[in-house]
Protein backbone atom coordinates (compact mmCIF):
# COMPACT_ATOMS: atom_id res chain seq x y z
CA MET A 1 0.00 0.00 0.00
CA THR A 2 1.27 3.45 -0.92
CA ASP A 3 1.37 6.26 1.64
CA PRO A 4 -1.35 8.86 1.07
CA PHE A 5 -0.39 12.29 -0.20
CA THR A 6 -2.31 15.56 -0.07
CA ARG A 7 -2.35 18.35 -2.64
CA VAL A 8 -4.37 21.56 -2.92
CA VAL A 9 -5.68 22.11 -6.43
CA SER A 10 -6.57 25.68 -7.46
CA PHE A 11 -8.61 26.17 -10.63
CA ASP A 12 -8.49 29.12 -13.04
CA ARG A 13 -11.88 27.94 -14.31
CA VAL A 14 -14.00 24.86 -14.95
CA GLY A 15 -15.89 25.33 -18.21
CA VAL A 16 -17.53 28.77 -17.97
CA HIS A 17 -17.27 28.88 -14.17
CA ARG A 18 -14.43 31.19 -13.12
CA HIS A 19 -14.98 31.18 -9.35
CA VAL A 20 -14.22 27.60 -8.36
CA GLU A 21 -13.12 26.94 -4.80
CA PRO A 22 -9.78 25.14 -4.35
CA LEU A 23 -9.95 21.40 -3.78
CA THR A 24 -7.88 19.48 -1.25
CA VAL A 25 -7.12 16.02 -2.62
CA THR A 26 -5.82 13.16 -0.48
CA ALA A 27 -4.98 10.08 -2.56
CA THR A 28 -2.61 7.14 -2.68
CA THR A 29 -2.24 6.86 -6.47
CA GLU A 30 -2.09 9.10 -9.51
CA ALA A 31 -5.37 7.58 -10.72
CA GLY A 32 -7.06 8.43 -7.41
CA PHE A 33 -5.69 11.99 -7.64
CA LYS A 34 -7.09 12.42 -11.17
CA ALA A 35 -10.43 10.83 -10.25
CA ALA A 36 -10.96 13.21 -7.32
CA ILE A 37 -10.28 16.23 -9.55
CA SER A 38 -12.54 14.89 -12.29
CA VAL A 39 -15.47 14.26 -9.93
CA TYR A 40 -15.09 17.74 -8.40
CA ALA A 41 -14.88 19.45 -11.81
CA GLU A 42 -17.91 17.54 -13.12
CA ARG A 43 -20.02 19.06 -10.33
CA HIS A 44 -19.58 22.43 -12.07
CA LEU A 45 -20.72 21.16 -15.47
CA ASP A 46 -23.78 19.69 -17.15
CA ALA A 47 -24.91 16.41 -15.62
CA THR A 48 -23.89 14.45 -18.73
CA ALA A 49 -20.38 15.92 -18.96
CA THR A 50 -17.27 13.88 -18.25
CA VAL A 51 -13.91 15.43 -17.48
CA ARG A 52 -10.47 14.13 -18.41
CA VAL A 53 -7.66 15.31 -16.18
CA ASP A 54 -4.18 15.81 -17.62
CA ALA A 55 -2.03 16.10 -14.50
CA HIS A 56 0.40 14.41 -12.17
CA PRO A 57 0.41 14.93 -8.38
CA ASP A 58 4.08 16.01 -8.52
CA SER A 59 3.59 18.51 -11.35
CA PRO A 60 2.69 22.13 -10.55
CA GLU A 61 0.07 22.47 -13.31
CA GLY A 62 -2.65 20.48 -15.03
CA ASN A 63 -5.48 20.77 -17.53
CA LEU A 64 -9.12 19.77 -17.72
CA ARG A 65 -10.66 18.56 -20.96
CA ALA A 66 -14.09 17.27 -21.80
CA GLY A 67 -14.30 13.55 -22.36
CA VAL A 68 -15.67 12.81 -25.84
CA ILE A 69 -16.72 9.34 -26.98
CA ASN A 70 -15.16 8.43 -30.34
CA ASP A 71 -16.49 6.08 -33.07
CA GLN A 72 -15.06 3.04 -31.26
CA GLY A 73 -16.93 3.93 -28.06
CA ARG A 74 -13.78 5.00 -26.19
CA THR A 75 -13.43 8.30 -24.35
CA GLU A 76 -10.81 10.66 -25.73
CA LYS A 77 -9.73 14.24 -25.08
CA GLY A 78 -12.27 16.82 -26.09
CA PRO A 79 -12.48 20.62 -25.75
CA PHE A 80 -10.36 22.45 -23.19
CA LEU A 81 -12.29 23.19 -19.98
CA GLY A 82 -9.71 24.79 -17.71
CA ARG A 83 -6.32 24.90 -16.11
CA PHE A 84 -5.28 24.36 -12.51
CA THR A 85 -2.25 24.55 -10.28
CA VAL A 86 -1.17 21.96 -7.74
CA SER A 87 0.50 22.82 -4.45
CA LEU A 88 3.62 20.70 -4.20
CA PRO A 89 4.93 19.37 -0.90
CA GLY A 90 7.67 21.41 0.67
CA ALA A 91 7.15 24.49 -1.50
CA ASP A 92 6.85 26.70 1.59
CA GLU A 93 9.94 25.16 3.16
CA VAL A 94 11.97 25.78 -0.01
CA LEU A 95 10.85 29.41 -0.10
CA GLU A 96 11.70 29.92 3.58
CA HIS A 97 15.14 28.37 3.01
CA LEU A 98 15.82 30.68 0.04
CA GLU A 99 14.66 33.72 2.00
CA ALA A 100 16.99 32.75 4.88
CA GLN A 101 19.89 32.36 2.42
CA ILE A 102 19.19 35.80 0.95
CA ALA A 103 19.05 37.38 4.41
CA SER A 104 22.34 35.71 5.35
CA LEU A 105 24.04 36.90 2.17
CA GLN A 106 22.73 40.44 2.67
CA SER A 107 24.09 40.40 6.22
CA LEU A 108 27.50 39.18 5.04
CA ARG A 109 27.53 41.85 2.33
CA SER A 110 26.72 44.57 4.89
CA GLU A 111 29.46 43.34 7.23
CA HIS A 112 31.98 43.26 4.36
CA LEU A 113 31.05 46.76 3.22
CA LEU A 114 31.34 48.05 6.80
CA GLU A 115 34.79 46.48 7.16
CA THR A 116 36.08 47.79 3.81
CA THR A 117 34.50 51.24 3.73
CA GLY A 118 33.72 51.97 7.38
CA VAL A 119 30.21 52.97 6.38
CA PRO A 120 27.25 50.99 7.79
CA PHE A 121 24.79 49.70 5.21
């Protein structure tokens, strides 16, 4: 069994709906992740609509497309319905680490300038 993961999915739109609340998805597989997004997106569309999700839980972006049944009876990608972003794990920690590095470098620069010029910066 795979450990569950959680992602927050933020939509730019679903079909004509532009104000779609973010969705928190907890899943154990990529298929479960896509299914949760598809079910949520379908709630904003016509009752007969199906949604295909082009995304991966470790990718920062994804797309929604209508599912269209072809001549062989299989569902394939149809018209574009929207785009979404996926919060990736650790994104906040990475940002905090970079901000700390910047602050440290700025401090070192100020100390160096004070030592070489005698002027506080």
